[in-house]
Amino acid sequence: MSEWLRRQTRNLLGFACAASPDHHHHQLHSDTVRPTGQPWAPHERPSSQHRSNPSHPILKRAHRGDPTKIDDFLSKTLSRLVKADLLATLNELLRQDQCDLALRVFSAVRSELWYKTELSLYADLVSALARKGMKEEIDRLICDLEGEGSVRCDDKGIVRLVKAVIAAERRESTVRIYGLMKRSGCGGGDEYVGRVLSRGLRRLGELGVADEVDLEFGRLSKGNLEKVEA
């Protein structure tokens, strides 16, 4: 990766760091403690010019509330990042719960030719959005997932996504994921996924759909289902 791309990636991450309430504490900590956890000797402490500094001019203007500068910065930066750097940027933003920026970066990821549906990415986004109380954004995200057409039944991210949406208490989104799994031919697959989905749907009040999941994944015979319904 070129030095220009490295610098732009640092600027984007610096934007997230500057917005983080933990950034000031982290900066003070890094000024007195080595990355290994040992304190710096007085003569070894890094000078101010070597410390992390997110005060890129574009970021300064963006922080003053000019959304057009943010969009301009993101469009110019993200369009030039390679796959690994784009995903690393997304993961770092999610780690810092910078959800608005993360959603913009994820939109850029989905527009790339190399992109294929990754349920683990969706699961990470749902978890981050849930921590920030952005429940409507979770529902929109799952609608976007439906728009991608189908999911791979062997995708290990399925159970993570199901758990994340259930934990966020998004009833309709949980039902949508089950419908997407059915359309993708995933019914009757991993029994553990079926168990997690069934329990979550019952907790969210979707008893009928939960019974259907049990049948689909072979956990109940029709006779046993009649007993449950009775």
C-alpha atoms as a PDB file:
ATOM      1  CA  MET A   1       0.000   0.000   0.000  1.00  0.00           C
ATOM      2  CA  SER A   2       1.335   3.438  -0.904  1.00  0.00           C
ATOM      3  CA  GLU A   3       2.258   6.025   1.705  1.00  0.00           C
ATOM      4  CA  TRP A   4      -0.665   8.166   0.532  1.00  0.00           C
ATOM      5  CA  LEU A   5      -3.117   5.347   1.274  1.00  0.00           C
ATOM      6  CA  ARG A   6      -1.524   4.694   4.650  1.00  0.00           C
ATOM      7  CA  ARG A   7      -1.882   8.360   5.503  1.00  0.00           C
ATOM      8  CA  GLN A   8      -5.522   8.507   4.397  1.00  0.00           C
ATOM      9  CA  THR A   9      -6.360   5.357   6.354  1.00  0.00           C
ATOM     10  CA  ARG A  10      -4.785   6.878   9.459  1.00  0.00           C
ATOM     11  CA  ASN A  11      -6.788  10.049   8.874  1.00  0.00           C
ATOM     12  CA  LEU A  12     -10.052   8.116   8.706  1.00  0.00           C
ATOM     13  CA  LEU A  13      -9.220   6.152  11.834  1.00  0.00           C
ATOM     14  CA  GLY A  14      -8.075   9.374  13.437  1.00  0.00           C
ATOM     15  CA  PHE A  15     -11.522  10.816  12.758  1.00  0.00           C
ATOM     16  CA  ALA A  16     -13.061   7.897  14.644  1.00  0.00           C
ATOM     17  CA  CYS A  17     -10.549   8.212  17.474  1.00  0.00           C
ATOM     18  CA  ALA A  18     -11.139  11.938  17.832  1.00  0.00           C
ATOM     19  CA  ALA A  19     -14.855  11.323  18.198  1.00  0.00           C
ATOM     20  CA  SER A  20     -14.318   8.614  20.813  1.00  0.00           C
ATOM     21  CA  PRO A  21     -14.764   9.625  24.483  1.00  0.00           C
ATOM     22  CA  ASP A  22     -11.872   7.321  25.351  1.00  0.00           C
ATOM     23  CA  HIS A  23      -9.466   9.043  22.946  1.00  0.00           C
ATOM     24  CA  HIS A  24      -8.149  11.665  25.392  1.00  0.00           C
ATOM     25  CA  HIS A  25      -7.558   9.049  28.086  1.00  0.00           C
ATOM     26  CA  HIS A  26      -5.798   6.791  25.599  1.00  0.00           C
ATOM     27  CA  GLN A  27      -3.566   9.646  24.450  1.00  0.00           C
ATOM     28  CA  LEU A  28      -2.493  10.515  27.999  1.00  0.00           C
ATOM     29  CA  HIS A  29      -1.857   6.849  28.700  1.00  0.00           C
ATOM     30  CA  SER A  30       0.304   6.412  25.594  1.00  0.00           C
ATOM     31  CA  ASP A  31       2.386   9.445  26.565  1.00  0.00           C
ATOM     32  CA  THR A  32       3.448   7.817  29.851  1.00  0.00           C
ATOM     33  CA  VAL A  33       3.355   4.073  29.124  1.00  0.00           C
ATOM     34  CA  ARG A  34       5.012   1.957  26.432  1.00  0.00           C
ATOM     35  CA  PRO A  35       2.866  -0.282  24.162  1.00  0.00           C
ATOM     36  CA  THR A  36       4.199  -3.195  26.265  1.00  0.00           C
ATOM     37  CA  GLY A  37       2.699  -1.680  29.417  1.00  0.00           C
ATOM     38  CA  GLN A  38       6.030  -0.596  30.941  1.00  0.00           C
ATOM     39  CA  PRO A  39       6.492   3.113  31.770  1.00  0.00           C
ATOM     40  CA  TRP A  40       8.641   5.259  29.521  1.00  0.00           C
ATOM     41  CA  ALA A  41      11.930   6.495  30.954  1.00  0.00           C
ATOM     42  CA  PRO A  42      11.995  10.325  31.022  1.00  0.00           C
ATOM     43  CA  HIS A  43      14.492  10.496  28.154  1.00  0.00           C
ATOM     44  CA  GLU A  44      12.553   7.915  26.095  1.00  0.00           C
ATOM     45  CA  ARG A  45       9.083   9.472  26.223  1.00  0.00           C
ATOM     46  CA  PRO A  46       7.877  10.197  22.649  1.00  0.00           C
ATOM     47  CA  SER A  47       7.822  13.853  21.686  1.00  0.00           C
ATOM     48  CA  SER A  48       4.592  15.541  20.696  1.00  0.00           C
ATOM     49  CA  GLN A  49       5.478  15.415  17.011  1.00  0.00           C
ATOM     50  CA  HIS A  50       5.521  11.600  17.145  1.00  0.00           C
ATOM     51  CA  ARG A  51       2.247  11.190  19.009  1.00  0.00           C
ATOM     52  CA  SER A  52      -0.976  10.235  17.271  1.00  0.00           C
ATOM     53  CA  ASN A  53      -2.572  13.383  15.916  1.00  0.00           C
ATOM     54  CA  PRO A  54      -5.992  13.198  14.232  1.00  0.00           C
ATOM     55  CA  SER A  55      -6.067  16.915  13.454  1.00  0.00           C
ATOM     56  CA  HIS A  56      -6.034  16.561   9.679  1.00  0.00           C
ATOM     57  CA  PRO A  57      -7.477  19.790   8.190  1.00  0.00           C
ATOM     58  CA  ILE A  58     -10.391  17.969   6.570  1.00  0.00           C
ATOM     59  CA  LEU A  59     -11.198  16.279   9.867  1.00  0.00           C
ATOM     60  CA  LYS A  60     -11.044  19.574  11.725  1.00  0.00           C
ATOM     61  CA  ARG A  61     -13.585  21.069   9.345  1.00  0.00           C
ATOM     62  CA  ALA A  62     -15.727  17.941   9.545  1.00  0.00           C
ATOM     63  CA  HIS A  63     -15.740  18.099  13.342  1.00  0.00           C
ATOM     64  CA  ARG A  64     -17.042  21.663  13.124  1.00  0.00           C
ATOM     65  CA  GLY A  65     -20.223  20.216  11.677  1.00  0.00           C
ATOM     66  CA  ASP A  66     -19.834  20.354   7.900  1.00  0.00           C
ATOM     67  CA  PRO A  67     -21.225  16.987   6.689  1.00  0.00           C
ATOM     68  CA  THR A  68     -20.228  17.713   3.083  1.00  0.00           C
ATOM     69  CA  LYS A  69     -16.586  17.605   4.130  1.00  0.00           C
ATOM     70  CA  ILE A  70     -17.088  14.213   5.740  1.00  0.00           C
ATOM     71  CA  ASP A  71     -18.731  12.841   2.592  1.00  0.00           C
ATOM     72  CA  ASP A  72     -16.006  14.313   0.403  1.00  0.00           C
ATOM     73  CA  PHE A  73     -13.257  12.876   2.591  1.00  0.00           C
ATOM     74  CA  LEU A  74     -14.857   9.430   2.715  1.00  0.00           C
ATOM     75  CA  SER A  75     -15.570   9.240  -1.003  1.00  0.00           C
ATOM     76  CA  LYS A  76     -12.012  10.195  -1.928  1.00  0.00           C
ATOM     77  CA  THR A  77     -10.401   7.931   0.661  1.00  0.00           C
ATOM     78  CA  LEU A  78     -12.521   4.783   0.488  1.00  0.00           C
ATOM     79  CA  SER A  79     -12.499   4.596  -3.303  1.00  0.00           C
ATOM     80  CA  ARG A  80      -8.710   4.123  -3.229  1.00  0.00           C
ATOM     81  CA  LEU A  81      -8.417   1.579  -0.430  1.00  0.00           C
ATOM     82  CA  VAL A  82      -7.712  -2.036  -1.327  1.00  0.00           C
ATOM     83  CA  LYS A  83      -9.840  -4.831   0.114  1.00  0.00           C
ATOM     84  CA  ALA A  84      -7.702  -5.588   3.174  1.00  0.00           C
ATOM     85  CA  ASP A  85      -7.419  -1.918   4.157  1.00  0.00           C
ATOM     86  CA  LEU A  86     -11.115  -1.245   3.622  1.00  0.00           C
ATOM     87  CA  LEU A  87     -12.086  -4.180   5.825  1.00  0.00           C
ATOM     88  CA  ALA A  88      -9.504  -3.211   8.446  1.00  0.00           C
ATOM     89  CA  THR A  89     -10.958   0.291   8.530  1.00  0.00           C
ATOM     90  CA  LEU A  90     -14.472  -1.098   8.940  1.00  0.00           C
ATOM     91  CA  ASN A  91     -13.402  -3.404  11.762  1.00  0.00           C
ATOM     92  CA  GLU A  92     -11.614  -0.586  13.575  1.00  0.00           C
ATOM     93  CA  LEU A  93     -14.660   1.680  13.349  1.00  0.00           C
ATOM     94  CA  LEU A  94     -16.858  -1.115  14.691  1.00  0.00           C
ATOM     95  CA  ARG A  95     -14.421  -1.742  17.516  1.00  0.00           C
ATOM     96  CA  GLN A  96     -14.776   1.897  18.509  1.00  0.00           C
ATOM     97  CA  ASP A  97     -18.591   1.851  18.063  1.00  0.00           C
ATOM     98  CA  GLN A  98     -18.342   4.542  15.378  1.00  0.00           C
ATOM     99  CA  CYS A  99     -21.536   3.217  13.806  1.00  0.00           C
ATOM    100  CA  ASP A 100     -22.432   6.075  11.463  1.00  0.00           C
ATOM    101  CA  LEU A 101     -19.000   5.971   9.855  1.00  0.00           C
ATOM    102  CA  ALA A 102     -18.996   2.170   9.866  1.00  0.00           C
ATOM    103  CA  LEU A 103     -22.268   2.067   7.937  1.00  0.00           C
ATOM    104  CA  ARG A 104     -20.800   4.383   5.305  1.00  0.00           C
ATOM    105  CA  VAL A 105     -17.697   2.249   5.006  1.00  0.00           C
ATOM    106  CA  PHE A 106     -19.824  -0.912   4.793  1.00  0.00           C
ATOM    107  CA  SER A 107     -21.802   0.675   1.963  1.00  0.00           C
ATOM    108  CA  ALA A 108     -18.495   1.190   0.158  1.00  0.00           C
ATOM    109  CA  VAL A 109     -17.526  -2.437   0.855  1.00  0.00           C
ATOM    110  CA  ARG A 110     -20.789  -3.708  -0.637  1.00  0.00           C
ATOM    111  CA  SER A 111     -20.229  -1.673  -3.793  1.00  0.00           C
ATOM    112  CA  GLU A 112     -16.882  -3.344  -4.509  1.00  0.00           C
ATOM    113  CA  LEU A 113     -16.686  -5.958  -7.267  1.00  0.00           C
ATOM    114  CA  TRP A 114     -14.944  -8.418  -4.943  1.00  0.00           C
ATOM    115  CA  TYR A 115     -17.690  -8.245  -2.313  1.00  0.00           C
ATOM    116  CA  LYS A 116     -19.677 -11.361  -1.465  1.00  0.00           C
ATOM    117  CA  THR A 117     -22.273 -11.561   1.283  1.00  0.00           C
ATOM    118  CA  GLU A 118     -20.457 -11.974   4.597  1.00  0.00           C
ATOM    119  CA  LEU A 119     -22.843 -12.683   7.452  1.00  0.00           C
ATOM    120  CA  SER A 120     -20.077 -12.186  10.016  1.00  0.00           C
ATOM    121  CA  LEU A 121     -19.783  -8.558   8.899  1.00  0.00           C
ATOM    122  CA  TYR A 122     -23.520  -8.152   9.287  1.00  0.00           C
ATOM    123  CA  ALA A 123     -23.345  -9.736  12.744  1.00  0.00           C
ATOM    124  CA  ASP A 124     -20.596  -7.328  13.821  1.00  0.00           C
ATOM    125  CA  LEU A 125     -22.598  -4.373  12.533  1.00  0.00           C
ATOM    126  CA  VAL A 126     -25.778  -5.499  14.292  1.00  0.00           C
ATOM    127  CA  SER A 127     -23.921  -5.908  17.589  1.00  0.00           C
ATOM    128  CA  ALA A 128     -22.346  -2.457  17.296  1.00  0.00           C
ATOM    129  CA  LEU A 129     -25.655  -0.823  16.350  1.00  0.00           C
ATOM    130  CA  ALA A 130     -27.379  -2.555  19.268  1.00  0.00           C
ATOM    131  CA  ARG A 131     -24.793  -1.194  21.709  1.00  0.00           C
ATOM    132  CA  LYS A 132     -25.579   2.298  20.462  1.00  0.00           C
ATOM    133  CA  GLY A 133     -29.346   1.769  20.579  1.00  0.00           C
ATOM    134  CA  MET A 134     -29.661   2.205  16.798  1.00  0.00           C
ATOM    135  CA  LYS A 135     -32.464  -0.320  16.404  1.00  0.00           C
ATOM    136  CA  GLU A 136     -34.060   1.085  13.262  1.00  0.00           C
ATOM    137  CA  GLU A 137     -30.684   0.934  11.540  1.00  0.00           C
ATOM    138  CA  ILE A 138     -30.541  -2.777  12.407  1.00  0.00           C
ATOM    139  CA  ASP A 139     -33.852  -3.360  10.640  1.00  0.00           C
ATOM    140  CA  ARG A 140     -32.669  -1.418   7.583  1.00  0.00           C
ATOM    141  CA  LEU A 141     -29.457  -3.432   7.565  1.00  0.00           C
ATOM    142  CA  ILE A 142     -31.365  -6.720   7.508  1.00  0.00           C
ATOM    143  CA  CYS A 143     -33.532  -5.391   4.678  1.00  0.00           C
ATOM    144  CA  ASP A 144     -30.304  -4.665   2.786  1.00  0.00           C
ATOM    145  CA  LEU A 145     -29.196  -8.231   3.463  1.00  0.00           C
ATOM    146  CA  GLU A 146     -32.453  -9.536   1.986  1.00  0.00           C
ATOM    147  CA  GLY A 147     -31.749  -7.471  -1.093  1.00  0.00           C
ATOM    148  CA  GLU A 148     -28.523  -9.391  -1.660  1.00  0.00           C
ATOM    149  CA  GLY A 149     -30.650 -12.359  -2.681  1.00  0.00           C
ATOM    150  CA  SER A 150     -29.433 -15.398  -0.768  1.00  0.00           C
ATOM    151  CA  VAL A 151     -26.947 -16.604   1.821  1.00  0.00           C
ATOM    152  CA  ARG A 152     -24.557 -19.529   1.874  1.00  0.00           C
ATOM    153  CA  CYS A 153     -25.906 -22.258   4.109  1.00  0.00           C
ATOM    154  CA  ASP A 154     -22.409 -23.178   5.272  1.00  0.00           C
ATOM    155  CA  ASP A 155     -21.615 -19.596   6.288  1.00  0.00           C
ATOM    156  CA  LYS A 156     -20.421 -19.744   9.902  1.00  0.00           C
ATOM    157  CA  GLY A 157     -21.748 -16.222  10.349  1.00  0.00           C
ATOM    158  CA  ILE A 158     -25.374 -17.382  10.265  1.00  0.00           C
ATOM    159  CA  VAL A 159     -25.556 -18.299  13.939  1.00  0.00           C
ATOM    160  CA  ARG A 160     -23.651 -15.149  14.944  1.00  0.00           C
ATOM    161  CA  LEU A 161     -26.090 -12.987  13.011  1.00  0.00           C
ATOM    162  CA  VAL A 162     -29.114 -14.804  14.434  1.00  0.00           C
ATOM    163  CA  LYS A 163     -27.781 -14.374  17.977  1.00  0.00           C
ATOM    164  CA  ALA A 164     -26.986 -10.686  17.414  1.00  0.00           C
ATOM    165  CA  VAL A 165     -30.431  -9.839  16.054  1.00  0.00           C
ATOM    166  CA  ILE A 166     -32.186 -11.771  18.826  1.00  0.00           C
ATOM    167  CA  ALA A 167     -30.028 -10.067  21.465  1.00  0.00           C
ATOM    168  CA  ALA A 168     -31.050  -6.726  19.945  1.00  0.00           C
ATOM    169  CA  GLU A 169     -34.703  -7.844  20.327  1.00  0.00           C
ATOM    170  CA  ARG A 170     -35.547  -7.194  16.688  1.00  0.00           C
ATOM    171  CA  ARG A 171     -38.511  -9.498  16.163  1.00  0.00           C
ATOM    172  CA  GLU A 172     -39.297  -8.708  12.527  1.00  0.00           C
ATOM    173  CA  SER A 173     -35.641  -8.820  11.534  1.00  0.00           C
ATOM    174  CA  THR A 174     -35.296 -12.252  13.138  1.00  0.00           C
ATOM    175  CA  VAL A 175     -38.288 -13.493  11.133  1.00  0.00           C
ATOM    176  CA  ARG A 176     -36.774 -11.954   7.984  1.00  0.00           C
ATOM    177  CA  ILE A 177     -33.515 -13.823   8.536  1.00  0.00           C
ATOM    178  CA  TYR A 178     -35.409 -17.095   8.874  1.00  0.00           C
ATOM    179  CA  GLY A 179     -37.281 -16.359   5.651  1.00  0.00           C
ATOM    180  CA  LEU A 180     -33.995 -15.620   3.907  1.00  0.00           C
ATOM    181  CA  MET A 181     -32.554 -18.886   5.181  1.00  0.00           C
ATOM    182  CA  LYS A 182     -35.550 -20.791   3.831  1.00  0.00           C
ATOM    183  CA  ARG A 183     -35.308 -19.143   0.410  1.00  0.00           C
ATOM    184  CA  SER A 184     -31.612 -19.993   0.355  1.00  0.00           C
ATOM    185  CA  GLY A 185     -32.329 -23.657   1.038  1.00  0.00           C
ATOM    186  CA  CYS A 186     -30.868 -23.617   4.542  1.00  0.00           C
ATOM    187  CA  GLY A 187     -33.841 -25.253   6.256  1.00  0.00           C
ATOM    188  CA  GLY A 188     -33.064 -28.559   7.936  1.00  0.00           C
ATOM    189  CA  GLY A 189     -29.389 -27.702   8.150  1.00  0.00           C
ATOM    190  CA  ASP A 190     -27.396 -27.062  11.304  1.00  0.00           C
ATOM    191  CA  GLU A 191     -29.558 -28.157  14.236  1.00  0.00           C
ATOM    192  CA  TYR A 192     -27.776 -25.742  16.567  1.00  0.00           C
ATOM    193  CA  VAL A 193     -28.772 -22.814  14.355  1.00  0.00           C
ATOM    194  CA  GLY A 194     -32.345 -24.077  14.387  1.00  0.00           C
ATOM    195  CA  ARG A 195     -32.320 -24.358  18.176  1.00  0.00           C
ATOM    196  CA  VAL A 196     -30.970 -20.828  18.639  1.00  0.00           C
ATOM    197  CA  LEU A 197     -33.463 -19.435  16.133  1.00  0.00           C
ATOM    198  CA  SER A 198     -36.406 -21.286  17.669  1.00  0.00           C
ATOM    199  CA  ARG A 199     -35.630 -20.191  21.222  1.00  0.00           C
ATOM    200  CA  GLY A 200     -35.093 -16.618  20.130  1.00  0.00           C
ATOM    201  CA  LEU A 201     -38.348 -16.468  18.200  1.00  0.00           C
ATOM    202  CA  ARG A 202     -40.272 -17.837  21.176  1.00  0.00           C
ATOM    203  CA  ARG A 203     -38.670 -15.244  23.430  1.00  0.00           C
ATOM    204  CA  LEU A 204     -39.729 -12.544  20.987  1.00  0.00           C
ATOM    205  CA  GLY A 205     -43.303 -13.829  20.875  1.00  0.00           C
ATOM    206  CA  GLU A 206     -43.214 -15.485  17.433  1.00  0.00           C
ATOM    207  CA  LEU A 207     -44.462 -18.885  18.585  1.00  0.00           C
ATOM    208  CA  GLY A 208     -45.923 -19.971  15.257  1.00  0.00           C
ATOM    209  CA  VAL A 209     -42.727 -19.203  13.367  1.00  0.00           C
ATOM    210  CA  ALA A 210     -40.717 -20.954  16.093  1.00  0.00           C
ATOM    211  CA  ASP A 211     -42.822 -24.112  15.621  1.00  0.00           C
ATOM    212  CA  GLU A 212     -42.169 -23.906  11.892  1.00  0.00           C
ATOM    213  CA  VAL A 213     -38.442 -23.640  12.566  1.00  0.00           C
ATOM    214  CA  ASP A 214     -38.617 -26.742  14.767  1.00  0.00           C
ATOM    215  CA  LEU A 215     -40.283 -28.691  11.967  1.00  0.00           C
ATOM    216  CA  GLU A 216     -37.937 -27.307   9.333  1.00  0.00           C
ATOM    217  CA  PHE A 217     -34.863 -28.332  11.297  1.00  0.00           C
ATOM    218  CA  GLY A 218     -36.327 -31.701  12.281  1.00  0.00           C
ATOM    219  CA  ARG A 219     -36.541 -31.064  16.006  1.00  0.00           C
ATOM    220  CA  LEU A 220     -40.224 -32.008  16.313  1.00  0.00           C
ATOM    221  CA  SER A 221     -42.417 -34.552  14.671  1.00  0.00           C
ATOM    222  CA  LYS A 222     -45.936 -33.468  13.702  1.00  0.00           C
ATOM    223  CA  GLY A 223     -47.326 -35.493  16.627  1.00  0.00           C
ATOM    224  CA  ASN A 224     -45.095 -33.749  19.117  1.00  0.00           C
ATOM    225  CA  LEU A 225     -45.947 -30.383  17.584  1.00  0.00           C
ATOM    226  CA  GLU A 226     -49.654 -31.059  18.147  1.00  0.00           C
ATOM    227  CA  LYS A 227     -48.868 -31.752  21.823  1.00  0.00           C
ATOM    228  CA  VAL A 228     -46.944 -28.513  22.122  1.00  0.00           C
ATOM    229  CA  GLU A 229     -49.783 -26.546  20.536  1.00  0.00           C
ATOM    230  CA  ALA A 230     -52.303 -28.232  22.838  1.00  0.00           C
END
